[in-house]
């Protein structure tokens, strides 16, 4: 896992016990999963708009927000970013069509 991702994961874990009045992440945790998921959806929409507009700086900024809030969601649910990275690594060598065909819900 990259140093940046590892540091962020550690900070997000530490914020679980922080005062919601002093930490944005702690306030998200305190408001619960629905609030976190709303932020993921909001940031997803903003990323899509930035991409449609073709503005590289906005795409990078909004994607960073999307990734950040997705990491908050994972940590809230007791999951680790490494689990997502492991899944992506598992998919190396598979074509996208083969990977979809191998899904149990496909």
PDB file of N, CA and C in Angstrom:
ATOM      1  N   UNK A   1       0.863  -1.170   0.000  1.00  0.00           N
ATOM      2  CA  UNK A   1       0.000   0.000   0.000  1.00  0.00           C
ATOM      3  C   UNK A   1       0.908   1.230   0.000  1.00  0.00           C
ATOM      4  N   UNK A   2       0.524   2.265  -0.719  1.00  0.00           N
ATOM      5  CA  UNK A   2       1.328   3.481  -0.784  1.00  0.00           C
ATOM      6  C   UNK A   2       1.421   4.134   0.591  1.00  0.00           C
ATOM      7  N   UNK A   3       2.498   4.885   0.786  1.00  0.00           N
ATOM      8  CA  UNK A   3       2.657   5.593   2.059  1.00  0.00           C
ATOM      9  C   UNK A   3       1.489   6.538   2.326  1.00  0.00           C
ATOM     10  N   UNK A   4       1.047   7.234   1.302  1.00  0.00           N
ATOM     11  CA  UNK A   4      -0.057   8.181   1.467  1.00  0.00           C
ATOM     12  C   UNK A   4      -1.324   7.458   1.899  1.00  0.00           C
ATOM     13  N   UNK A   5      -1.629   6.365   1.247  1.00  0.00           N
ATOM     14  CA  UNK A   5      -2.829   5.606   1.590  1.00  0.00           C
ATOM     15  C   UNK A   5      -2.719   5.022   2.991  1.00  0.00           C
ATOM     16  N   UNK A   6      -1.544   4.521   3.341  1.00  0.00           N
ATOM     17  CA  UNK A   6      -1.331   3.959   4.672  1.00  0.00           C
ATOM     18  C   UNK A   6      -1.501   5.039   5.748  1.00  0.00           C
ATOM     19  N   UNK A   7      -0.894   6.202   5.540  1.00  0.00           N
ATOM     20  CA  UNK A   7      -1.023   7.303   6.509  1.00  0.00           C
ATOM     21  C   UNK A   7      -2.477   7.729   6.664  1.00  0.00           C
ATOM     22  N   UNK A   8      -3.162   7.848   5.539  1.00  0.00           N
ATOM     23  CA  UNK A   8      -4.562   8.268   5.586  1.00  0.00           C
ATOM     24  C   UNK A   8      -5.408   7.243   6.320  1.00  0.00           C
ATOM     25  N   UNK A   9      -5.179   5.959   6.048  1.00  0.00           N
ATOM     26  CA  UNK A   9      -5.930   4.909   6.735  1.00  0.00           C
ATOM     27  C   UNK A   9      -5.704   4.978   8.245  1.00  0.00           C
ATOM     28  N   UNK A  10      -4.474   5.243   8.656  1.00  0.00           N
ATOM     29  CA  UNK A  10      -4.156   5.352  10.086  1.00  0.00           C
ATOM     30  C   UNK A  10      -4.851   6.561  10.711  1.00  0.00           C
ATOM     31  N   UNK A  11      -4.851   7.674  10.005  1.00  0.00           N
ATOM     32  CA  UNK A  11      -5.513   8.885  10.509  1.00  0.00           C
ATOM     33  C   UNK A  11      -7.018   8.655  10.623  1.00  0.00           C
ATOM     34  N   UNK A  12      -7.606   8.035   9.607  1.00  0.00           N
ATOM     35  CA  UNK A  12      -9.049   7.775   9.644  1.00  0.00           C
ATOM     36  C   UNK A  12      -9.412   6.849  10.791  1.00  0.00           C
ATOM     37  N   UNK A  13      -8.576   5.876  11.068  1.00  0.00           N
ATOM     38  CA  UNK A  13      -8.824   4.975  12.204  1.00  0.00           C
ATOM     39  C   UNK A  13      -8.742   5.750  13.512  1.00  0.00           C
ATOM     40  N   UNK A  14      -7.737   6.601  13.645  1.00  0.00           N
ATOM     41  CA  UNK A  14      -7.557   7.382  14.867  1.00  0.00           C
ATOM     42  C   UNK A  14      -8.725   8.340  15.103  1.00  0.00           C
ATOM     43  N   UNK A  15      -9.312   8.840  14.031  1.00  0.00           N
ATOM     44  CA  UNK A  15     -10.410   9.799  14.156  1.00  0.00           C
ATOM     45  C   UNK A  15     -11.688   9.156  14.694  1.00  0.00           C
ATOM     46  N   UNK A  16     -11.755   7.834  14.680  1.00  0.00           N
ATOM     47  CA  UNK A  16     -12.952   7.162  15.201  1.00  0.00           C
ATOM     48  C   UNK A  16     -13.192   7.534  16.657  1.00  0.00           C
ATOM     49  N   UNK A  17     -12.128   7.783  17.407  1.00  0.00           N
ATOM     50  CA  UNK A  17     -12.283   8.127  18.814  1.00  0.00           C
ATOM     51  C   UNK A  17     -12.203   9.613  19.102  1.00  0.00           C
ATOM     52  N   UNK A  18     -12.136  10.422  18.065  1.00  0.00           N
ATOM     53  CA  UNK A  18     -11.985  11.867  18.249  1.00  0.00           C
ATOM     54  C   UNK A  18     -13.334  12.525  18.534  1.00  0.00           C
ATOM     55  N   UNK A  19     -13.256  13.714  19.071  1.00  0.00           N
ATOM     56  CA  UNK A  19     -14.445  14.521  19.346  1.00  0.00           C
ATOM     57  C   UNK A  19     -15.045  14.995  18.021  1.00  0.00           C
ATOM     58  N   UNK A  20     -16.311  14.708  17.764  1.00  0.00           N
ATOM     59  CA  UNK A  20     -16.943  15.139  16.519  1.00  0.00           C
ATOM     60  C   UNK A  20     -16.931  16.650  16.311  1.00  0.00           C
ATOM     61  N   UNK A  21     -16.804  17.412  17.392  1.00  0.00           N
ATOM     62  CA  UNK A  21     -16.756  18.873  17.261  1.00  0.00           C
ATOM     63  C   UNK A  21     -15.387  19.363  16.811  1.00  0.00           C
ATOM     64  N   UNK A  22     -14.372  18.487  16.879  1.00  0.00           N
ATOM     65  CA  UNK A  22     -13.018  18.920  16.546  1.00  0.00           C
ATOM     66  C   UNK A  22     -12.470  18.249  15.292  1.00  0.00           C
ATOM     67  N   UNK A  23     -13.231  17.340  14.692  1.00  0.00           N
ATOM     68  CA  UNK A  23     -12.736  16.597  13.534  1.00  0.00           C
ATOM     69  C   UNK A  23     -13.867  16.347  12.547  1.00  0.00           C
ATOM     70  N   UNK A  24     -13.632  16.716  11.301  1.00  0.00           N
ATOM     71  CA  UNK A  24     -14.619  16.472  10.251  1.00  0.00           C
ATOM     72  C   UNK A  24     -14.902  14.974  10.125  1.00  0.00           C
ATOM     73  N   UNK A  25     -13.844  14.163  10.107  1.00  0.00           N
ATOM     74  CA  UNK A  25     -14.022  12.716   9.967  1.00  0.00           C
ATOM     75  C   UNK A  25     -14.778  12.143  11.162  1.00  0.00           C
ATOM     76  N   UNK A  26     -14.414  12.580  12.362  1.00  0.00           N
ATOM     77  CA  UNK A  26     -15.129  12.114  13.557  1.00  0.00           C
ATOM     78  C   UNK A  26     -16.603  12.499  13.474  1.00  0.00           C
ATOM     79  N   UNK A  27     -16.900  13.669  12.920  1.00  0.00           N
ATOM     80  CA  UNK A  27     -18.299  14.080  12.797  1.00  0.00           C
ATOM     81  C   UNK A  27     -19.036  13.188  11.795  1.00  0.00           C
ATOM     82  N   UNK A  28     -18.347  12.756  10.736  1.00  0.00           N
ATOM     83  CA  UNK A  28     -18.971  11.827   9.794  1.00  0.00           C
ATOM     84  C   UNK A  28     -19.257  10.494  10.474  1.00  0.00           C
ATOM     85  N   UNK A  29     -18.266   9.971  11.205  1.00  0.00           N
ATOM     86  CA  UNK A  29     -18.481   8.717  11.921  1.00  0.00           C
ATOM     87  C   UNK A  29     -19.663   8.838  12.884  1.00  0.00           C
ATOM     88  N   UNK A  30     -19.735   9.957  13.588  1.00  0.00           N
ATOM     89  CA  UNK A  30     -20.796  10.155  14.579  1.00  0.00           C
ATOM     90  C   UNK A  30     -22.177  10.220  13.923  1.00  0.00           C
ATOM     91  N   UNK A  31     -22.244  10.757  12.714  1.00  0.00           N
ATOM     92  CA  UNK A  31     -23.532  10.872  12.010  1.00  0.00           C
ATOM     93  C   UNK A  31     -23.960   9.553  11.372  1.00  0.00           C
ATOM     94  N   UNK A  32     -23.028   8.620  11.242  1.00  0.00           N
ATOM     95  CA  UNK A  32     -23.377   7.279  10.807  1.00  0.00           C
ATOM     96  C   UNK A  32     -23.221   7.006   9.322  1.00  0.00           C
ATOM     97  N   UNK A  33     -23.508   5.772   8.986  1.00  0.00           N
ATOM     98  CA  UNK A  33     -23.290   5.276   7.630  1.00  0.00           C
ATOM     99  C   UNK A  33     -24.085   6.053   6.586  1.00  0.00           C
ATOM    100  N   UNK A  34     -25.338   6.381   6.855  1.00  0.00           N
ATOM    101  CA  UNK A  34     -26.132   7.094   5.851  1.00  0.00           C
ATOM    102  C   UNK A  34     -25.478   8.413   5.445  1.00  0.00           C
ATOM    103  N   UNK A  35     -24.963   9.163   6.408  1.00  0.00           N
ATOM    104  CA  UNK A  35     -24.298  10.436   6.106  1.00  0.00           C
ATOM    105  C   UNK A  35     -23.037  10.190   5.286  1.00  0.00           C
ATOM    106  N   UNK A  36     -22.272   9.171   5.661  1.00  0.00           N
ATOM    107  CA  UNK A  36     -21.046   8.851   4.927  1.00  0.00           C
ATOM    108  C   UNK A  36     -21.385   8.465   3.493  1.00  0.00           C
ATOM    109  N   UNK A  37     -22.406   7.650   3.317  1.00  0.00           N
ATOM    110  CA  UNK A  37     -22.803   7.225   1.971  1.00  0.00           C
ATOM    111  C   UNK A  37     -23.314   8.398   1.136  1.00  0.00           C
ATOM    112  N   UNK A  38     -24.000   9.341   1.771  1.00  0.00           N
ATOM    113  CA  UNK A  38     -24.435  10.541   1.058  1.00  0.00           C
ATOM    114  C   UNK A  38     -23.236  11.326   0.550  1.00  0.00           C
ATOM    115  N   UNK A  39     -22.171  11.392   1.356  1.00  0.00           N
ATOM    116  CA  UNK A  39     -20.957  12.096   0.934  1.00  0.00           C
ATOM    117  C   UNK A  39     -20.296  11.358  -0.232  1.00  0.00           C
ATOM    118  N   UNK A  40     -20.263  10.026  -0.180  1.00  0.00           N
ATOM    119  CA  UNK A  40     -19.687   9.255  -1.291  1.00  0.00           C
ATOM    120  C   UNK A  40     -20.484   9.530  -2.565  1.00  0.00           C
ATOM    121  N   UNK A  41     -21.801   9.517  -2.469  1.00  0.00           N
ATOM    122  CA  UNK A  41     -22.649   9.786  -3.635  1.00  0.00           C
ATOM    123  C   UNK A  41     -22.434  11.207  -4.160  1.00  0.00           C
ATOM    124  N   UNK A  42     -22.377  12.161  -3.247  1.00  0.00           N
ATOM    125  CA  UNK A  42     -22.165  13.567  -3.641  1.00  0.00           C
ATOM    126  C   UNK A  42     -20.838  13.720  -4.371  1.00  0.00           C
ATOM    127  N   UNK A  43     -19.785  13.142  -3.803  1.00  0.00           N
ATOM    128  CA  UNK A  43     -18.461  13.283  -4.413  1.00  0.00           C
ATOM    129  C   UNK A  43     -18.385  12.531  -5.742  1.00  0.00           C
ATOM    130  N   UNK A  44     -19.113  11.429  -5.851  1.00  0.00           N
ATOM    131  CA  UNK A  44     -19.166  10.701  -7.115  1.00  0.00           C
ATOM    132  C   UNK A  44     -19.781  11.575  -8.205  1.00  0.00           C
ATOM    133  N   UNK A  45     -20.892  12.217  -7.867  1.00  0.00           N
ATOM    134  CA  UNK A  45     -21.538  13.110  -8.823  1.00  0.00           C
ATOM    135  C   UNK A  45     -20.640  14.265  -9.230  1.00  0.00           C
ATOM    136  N   UNK A  46     -19.940  14.841  -8.270  1.00  0.00           N
ATOM    137  CA  UNK A  46     -19.041  15.958  -8.579  1.00  0.00           C
ATOM    138  C   UNK A  46     -17.865  15.500  -9.444  1.00  0.00           C
ATOM    139  N   UNK A  47     -17.412  14.273  -9.235  1.00  0.00           N
ATOM    140  CA  UNK A  47     -16.340  13.722 -10.064  1.00  0.00           C
ATOM    141  C   UNK A  47     -16.821  13.531 -11.495  1.00  0.00           C
ATOM    142  N   UNK A  48     -18.034  13.031 -11.640  1.00  0.00           N
ATOM    143  CA  UNK A  48     -18.609  12.830 -12.967  1.00  0.00           C
ATOM    144  C   UNK A  48     -18.744  14.161 -13.698  1.00  0.00           C
ATOM    145  N   UNK A  49     -19.239  15.168 -13.021  1.00  0.00           N
ATOM    146  CA  UNK A  49     -19.397  16.492 -13.640  1.00  0.00           C
ATOM    147  C   UNK A  49     -18.049  17.056 -14.062  1.00  0.00           C
ATOM    148  N   UNK A  50     -17.051  16.927 -13.186  1.00  0.00           N
ATOM    149  CA  UNK A  50     -15.714  17.420 -13.524  1.00  0.00           C
ATOM    150  C   UNK A  50     -15.170  16.699 -14.759  1.00  0.00           C
ATOM    151  N   UNK A  51     -15.384  15.388 -14.823  1.00  0.00           N
ATOM    152  CA  UNK A  51     -14.908  14.626 -15.980  1.00  0.00           C
ATOM    153  C   UNK A  51     -15.635  15.047 -17.251  1.00  0.00           C
ATOM    154  N   UNK A  52     -16.950  15.245 -17.156  1.00  0.00           N
ATOM    155  CA  UNK A  52     -17.717  15.684 -18.327  1.00  0.00           C
ATOM    156  C   UNK A  52     -17.241  17.046 -18.821  1.00  0.00           C
ATOM    157  N   UNK A  53     -16.818  17.896 -17.877  1.00  0.00           N
ATOM    158  CA  UNK A  53     -16.339  19.225 -18.240  1.00  0.00           C
ATOM    159  C   UNK A  53     -14.900  19.193 -18.742  1.00  0.00           C
ATOM    160  N   UNK A  54     -14.213  18.071 -18.538  1.00  0.00           N
ATOM    161  CA  UNK A  54     -12.859  17.914 -19.052  1.00  0.00           C
ATOM    162  C   UNK A  54     -11.813  18.784 -18.391  1.00  0.00           C
ATOM    163  N   UNK A  55     -12.067  19.192 -17.151  1.00  0.00           N
ATOM    164  CA  UNK A  55     -11.127  20.060 -16.438  1.00  0.00           C
ATOM    165  C   UNK A  55     -10.223  19.211 -15.554  1.00  0.00           C
ATOM    166  N   UNK A  56      -8.971  19.027 -15.983  1.00  0.00           N
ATOM    167  CA  UNK A  56      -8.051  18.117 -15.301  1.00  0.00           C
ATOM    168  C   UNK A  56      -7.905  18.436 -13.816  1.00  0.00           C
ATOM    169  N   UNK A  57      -7.733  19.694 -13.480  1.00  0.00           N
ATOM    170  CA  UNK A  57      -7.549  20.076 -12.075  1.00  0.00           C
ATOM    171  C   UNK A  57      -8.779  19.711 -11.239  1.00  0.00           C
ATOM    172  N   UNK A  58      -9.968  19.987 -11.773  1.00  0.00           N
ATOM    173  CA  UNK A  58     -11.200  19.656 -11.059  1.00  0.00           C
ATOM    174  C   UNK A  58     -11.390  18.139 -10.961  1.00  0.00           C
ATOM    175  N   UNK A  59     -11.019  17.413 -12.004  1.00  0.00           N
ATOM    176  CA  UNK A  59     -11.127  15.950 -11.980  1.00  0.00           C
ATOM    177  C   UNK A  59     -10.250  15.384 -10.859  1.00  0.00           C
ATOM    178  N   UNK A  60      -9.037  15.856 -10.768  1.00  0.00           N
ATOM    179  CA  UNK A  60      -8.116  15.380  -9.729  1.00  0.00           C
ATOM    180  C   UNK A  60      -8.653  15.726  -8.350  1.00  0.00           C
ATOM    181  N   UNK A  61      -9.099  16.953  -8.169  1.00  0.00           N
ATOM    182  CA  UNK A  61      -9.619  17.413  -6.872  1.00  0.00           C
ATOM    183  C   UNK A  61     -10.833  16.591  -6.447  1.00  0.00           C
ATOM    184  N   UNK A  62     -11.778  16.423  -7.347  1.00  0.00           N
ATOM    185  CA  UNK A  62     -13.010  15.704  -7.013  1.00  0.00           C
ATOM    186  C   UNK A  62     -12.756  14.210  -6.821  1.00  0.00           C
ATOM    187  N   UNK A  63     -11.843  13.643  -7.605  1.00  0.00           N
ATOM    188  CA  UNK A  63     -11.497  12.235  -7.419  1.00  0.00           C
ATOM    189  C   UNK A  63     -10.840  12.025  -6.062  1.00  0.00           C
ATOM    190  N   UNK A  64      -9.997  12.966  -5.640  1.00  0.00           N
ATOM    191  CA  UNK A  64      -9.392  12.876  -4.302  1.00  0.00           C
ATOM    192  C   UNK A  64     -10.479  12.896  -3.230  1.00  0.00           C
ATOM    193  N   UNK A  65     -11.481  13.768  -3.383  1.00  0.00           N
ATOM    194  CA  UNK A  65     -12.603  13.801  -2.435  1.00  0.00           C
ATOM    195  C   UNK A  65     -13.372  12.481  -2.440  1.00  0.00           C
ATOM    196  N   UNK A  66     -13.599  11.926  -3.630  1.00  0.00           N
ATOM    197  CA  UNK A  66     -14.319  10.658  -3.750  1.00  0.00           C
ATOM    198  C   UNK A  66     -13.546   9.532  -3.071  1.00  0.00           C
ATOM    199  N   UNK A  67     -12.257   9.455  -3.346  1.00  0.00           N
ATOM    200  CA  UNK A  67     -11.441   8.415  -2.720  1.00  0.00           C
ATOM    201  C   UNK A  67     -11.422   8.581  -1.205  1.00  0.00           C
ATOM    202  N   UNK A  68     -11.271   9.827  -0.741  1.00  0.00           N
ATOM    203  CA  UNK A  68     -11.232  10.098   0.694  1.00  0.00           C
ATOM    204  C   UNK A  68     -12.506   9.601   1.374  1.00  0.00           C
ATOM    205  N   UNK A  69     -13.643   9.992   0.843  1.00  0.00           N
ATOM    206  CA  UNK A  69     -14.912   9.601   1.470  1.00  0.00           C
ATOM    207  C   UNK A  69     -15.178   8.100   1.325  1.00  0.00           C
ATOM    208  N   UNK A  70     -14.685   7.493   0.251  1.00  0.00           N
ATOM    209  CA  UNK A  70     -14.782   6.041   0.118  1.00  0.00           C
ATOM    210  C   UNK A  70     -13.946   5.347   1.193  1.00  0.00           C
ATOM    211  N   UNK A  71     -12.779   5.908   1.506  1.00  0.00           N
ATOM    212  CA  UNK A  71     -11.951   5.348   2.575  1.00  0.00           C
ATOM    213  C   UNK A  71     -12.623   5.510   3.936  1.00  0.00           C
ATOM    214  N   UNK A  72     -13.271   6.647   4.166  1.00  0.00           N
ATOM    215  CA  UNK A  72     -14.025   6.835   5.411  1.00  0.00           C
ATOM    216  C   UNK A  72     -15.103   5.757   5.514  1.00  0.00           C
ATOM    217  N   UNK A  73     -15.799   5.492   4.411  1.00  0.00           N
ATOM    218  CA  UNK A  73     -16.830   4.456   4.396  1.00  0.00           C
ATOM    219  C   UNK A  73     -16.238   3.097   4.751  1.00  0.00           C
ATOM    220  N   UNK A  74     -15.134   2.741   4.107  1.00  0.00           N
ATOM    221  CA  UNK A  74     -14.500   1.449   4.396  1.00  0.00           C
ATOM    222  C   UNK A  74     -14.149   1.331   5.871  1.00  0.00           C
ATOM    223  N   UNK A  75     -13.493   2.361   6.415  1.00  0.00           N
ATOM    224  CA  UNK A  75     -13.065   2.315   7.814  1.00  0.00           C
ATOM    225  C   UNK A  75     -14.273   2.241   8.744  1.00  0.00           C
ATOM    226  N   UNK A  76     -15.323   2.970   8.427  1.00  0.00           N
ATOM    227  CA  UNK A  76     -16.534   2.940   9.241  1.00  0.00           C
ATOM    228  C   UNK A  76     -17.106   1.517   9.299  1.00  0.00           C
ATOM    229  N   UNK A  77     -16.976   0.800   8.198  1.00  0.00           N
ATOM    230  CA  UNK A  77     -17.510  -0.558   8.107  1.00  0.00           C
ATOM    231  C   UNK A  77     -16.513  -1.621   8.575  1.00  0.00           C
ATOM    232  N   UNK A  78     -15.364  -1.166   9.098  1.00  0.00           N
ATOM    233  CA  UNK A  78     -14.368  -2.108   9.604  1.00  0.00           C
ATOM    234  C   UNK A  78     -13.552  -2.787   8.521  1.00  0.00           C
ATOM    235  N   UNK A  79     -13.519  -2.181   7.358  1.00  0.00           N
ATOM    236  CA  UNK A  79     -12.757  -2.729   6.240  1.00  0.00           C
ATOM    237  C   UNK A  79     -11.495  -1.902   6.028  1.00  0.00           C
ATOM    238  N   UNK A  80     -10.519  -2.509   5.386  1.00  0.00           N
ATOM    239  CA  UNK A  80      -9.235  -1.856   5.160  1.00  0.00           C
ATOM    240  C   UNK A  80      -9.026  -1.561   3.682  1.00  0.00           C
ATOM    241  N   UNK A  81      -8.362  -0.461   3.366  1.00  0.00           N
ATOM    242  CA  UNK A  81      -8.032  -0.167   1.968  1.00  0.00           C
ATOM    243  C   UNK A  81      -7.243  -1.303   1.321  1.00  0.00           C
ATOM    244  N   UNK A  82      -6.426  -1.981   2.102  1.00  0.00           N
ATOM    245  CA  UNK A  82      -5.626  -3.073   1.553  1.00  0.00           C
ATOM    246  C   UNK A  82      -6.514  -4.184   0.991  1.00  0.00           C
ATOM    247  N   UNK A  83      -7.685  -4.369   1.559  1.00  0.00           N
ATOM    248  CA  UNK A  83      -8.600  -5.384   1.050  1.00  0.00           C
ATOM    249  C   UNK A  83      -9.062  -5.045  -0.371  1.00  0.00           C
ATOM    250  N   UNK A  84      -9.272  -3.767  -0.628  1.00  0.00           N
ATOM    251  CA  UNK A  84      -9.658  -3.327  -1.970  1.00  0.00           C
ATOM    252  C   UNK A  84      -8.474  -3.501  -2.919  1.00  0.00           C
ATOM    253  N   UNK A  85      -7.285  -3.127  -2.459  1.00  0.00           N
ATOM    254  CA  UNK A  85      -6.090  -3.293  -3.284  1.00  0.00           C
ATOM    255  C   UNK A  85      -5.840  -4.772  -3.591  1.00  0.00           C
ATOM    256  N   UNK A  86      -6.062  -5.630  -2.609  1.00  0.00           N
ATOM    257  CA  UNK A  86      -5.907  -7.067  -2.825  1.00  0.00           C
ATOM    258  C   UNK A  86      -6.876  -7.569  -3.892  1.00  0.00           C
ATOM    259  N   UNK A  87      -8.107  -7.059  -3.864  1.00  0.00           N
ATOM    260  CA  UNK A  87      -9.096  -7.456  -4.872  1.00  0.00           C
ATOM    261  C   UNK A  87      -8.673  -6.978  -6.259  1.00  0.00           C
ATOM    262  N   UNK A  88      -8.160  -5.764  -6.341  1.00  0.00           N
ATOM    263  CA  UNK A  88      -7.683  -5.271  -7.644  1.00  0.00           C
ATOM    264  C   UNK A  88      -6.516  -6.119  -8.138  1.00  0.00           C
ATOM    265  N   UNK A  89      -5.611  -6.470  -7.235  1.00  0.00           N
ATOM    266  CA  UNK A  89      -4.473  -7.306  -7.619  1.00  0.00           C
ATOM    267  C   UNK A  89      -4.941  -8.685  -8.083  1.00  0.00           C
ATOM    268  N   UNK A  90      -5.958  -9.224  -7.418  1.00  0.00           N
ATOM    269  CA  UNK A  90      -6.500 -10.521  -7.805  1.00  0.00           C
ATOM    270  C   UNK A  90      -6.994 -10.496  -9.248  1.00  0.00           C
ATOM    271  N   UNK A  91      -7.458  -9.359  -9.684  1.00  0.00           N
ATOM    272  CA  UNK A  91      -8.025  -9.239 -11.026  1.00  0.00           C
ATOM    273  C   UNK A  91      -6.966  -9.107 -12.129  1.00  0.00           C
ATOM    274  N   UNK A  92      -5.717  -8.845 -11.757  1.00  0.00           N
ATOM    275  CA  UNK A  92      -4.671  -8.768 -12.778  1.00  0.00           C
ATOM    276  C   UNK A  92      -4.630 -10.072 -13.554  1.00  0.00           C
ATOM    277  N   UNK A  93      -4.486  -9.965 -14.846  1.00  0.00           N
ATOM    278  CA  UNK A  93      -4.403 -11.155 -15.677  1.00  0.00           C
ATOM    279  C   UNK A  93      -5.747 -11.653 -16.163  1.00  0.00           C
ATOM    280  N   UNK A  94      -6.821 -11.108 -15.618  1.00  0.00           N
ATOM    281  CA  UNK A  94      -8.162 -11.461 -16.084  1.00  0.00           C
ATOM    282  C   UNK A  94      -8.640 -10.368 -17.028  1.00  0.00           C
ATOM    283  N   UNK A  95      -9.281 -10.762 -18.092  1.00  0.00           N
ATOM    284  CA  UNK A  95      -9.915  -9.737 -18.916  1.00  0.00           C
ATOM    285  C   UNK A  95     -11.133  -9.230 -18.159  1.00  0.00           C
ATOM    286  N   UNK A  96     -11.571  -8.050 -18.453  1.00  0.00           N
ATOM    287  CA  UNK A  96     -12.761  -7.508 -17.811  1.00  0.00           C
ATOM    288  C   UNK A  96     -13.977  -8.388 -18.042  1.00  0.00           C
ATOM    289  N   UNK A  97     -14.086  -8.947 -19.232  1.00  0.00           N
ATOM    290  CA  UNK A  97     -15.219  -9.821 -19.540  1.00  0.00           C
ATOM    291  C   UNK A  97     -15.137 -11.113 -18.736  1.00  0.00           C
ATOM    292  N   UNK A  98     -13.926 -11.658 -18.601  1.00  0.00           N
ATOM    293  CA  UNK A  98     -13.746 -12.885 -17.822  1.00  0.00           C
ATOM    294  C   UNK A  98     -14.056 -12.628 -16.348  1.00  0.00           C
ATOM    295  N   UNK A  99     -13.596 -11.495 -15.825  1.00  0.00           N
ATOM    296  CA  UNK A  99     -13.833 -11.157 -14.423  1.00  0.00           C
ATOM    297  C   UNK A  99     -15.329 -11.039 -14.162  1.00  0.00           C
ATOM    298  N   UNK A 100     -16.061 -10.376 -15.045  1.00  0.00           N
ATOM    299  CA  UNK A 100     -17.511 -10.242 -14.881  1.00  0.00           C
ATOM    300  C   UNK A 100     -18.199 -11.595 -14.941  1.00  0.00           C
ATOM    301  N   UNK A 101     -17.757 -12.463 -15.836  1.00  0.00           N
ATOM    302  CA  UNK A 101     -18.369 -13.790 -15.976  1.00  0.00           C
ATOM    303  C   UNK A 101     -18.139 -14.630 -14.720  1.00  0.00           C
ATOM    304  N   UNK A 102     -17.050 -14.385 -14.004  1.00  0.00           N
ATOM    305  CA  UNK A 102     -16.713 -15.157 -12.808  1.00  0.00           C
ATOM    306  C   UNK A 102     -17.449 -14.681 -11.564  1.00  0.00           C
ATOM    307  N   UNK A 103     -18.122 -13.533 -11.612  1.00  0.00           N
ATOM    308  CA  UNK A 103     -18.852 -13.031 -10.459  1.00  0.00           C
ATOM    309  C   UNK A 103     -20.052 -13.930 -10.180  1.00  0.00           C
ATOM    310  N   UNK A 104     -20.333 -14.109  -8.902  1.00  0.00           N
ATOM    311  CA  UNK A 104     -21.461 -14.962  -8.539  1.00  0.00           C
ATOM    312  C   UNK A 104     -22.799 -14.320  -8.874  1.00  0.00           C
ATOM    313  N   UNK A 105     -22.828 -12.981  -8.966  1.00  0.00           N
ATOM    314  CA  UNK A 105     -24.095 -12.288  -9.234  1.00  0.00           C
ATOM    315  C   UNK A 105     -24.278 -11.953 -10.701  1.00  0.00           C
ATOM    316  N   UNK A 106     -23.355 -12.410 -11.552  1.00  0.00           N
ATOM    317  CA  UNK A 106     -23.428 -12.070 -12.982  1.00  0.00           C
ATOM    318  C   UNK A 106     -24.476 -12.886 -13.698  1.00  0.00           C
TER     319      UNK A 106
END
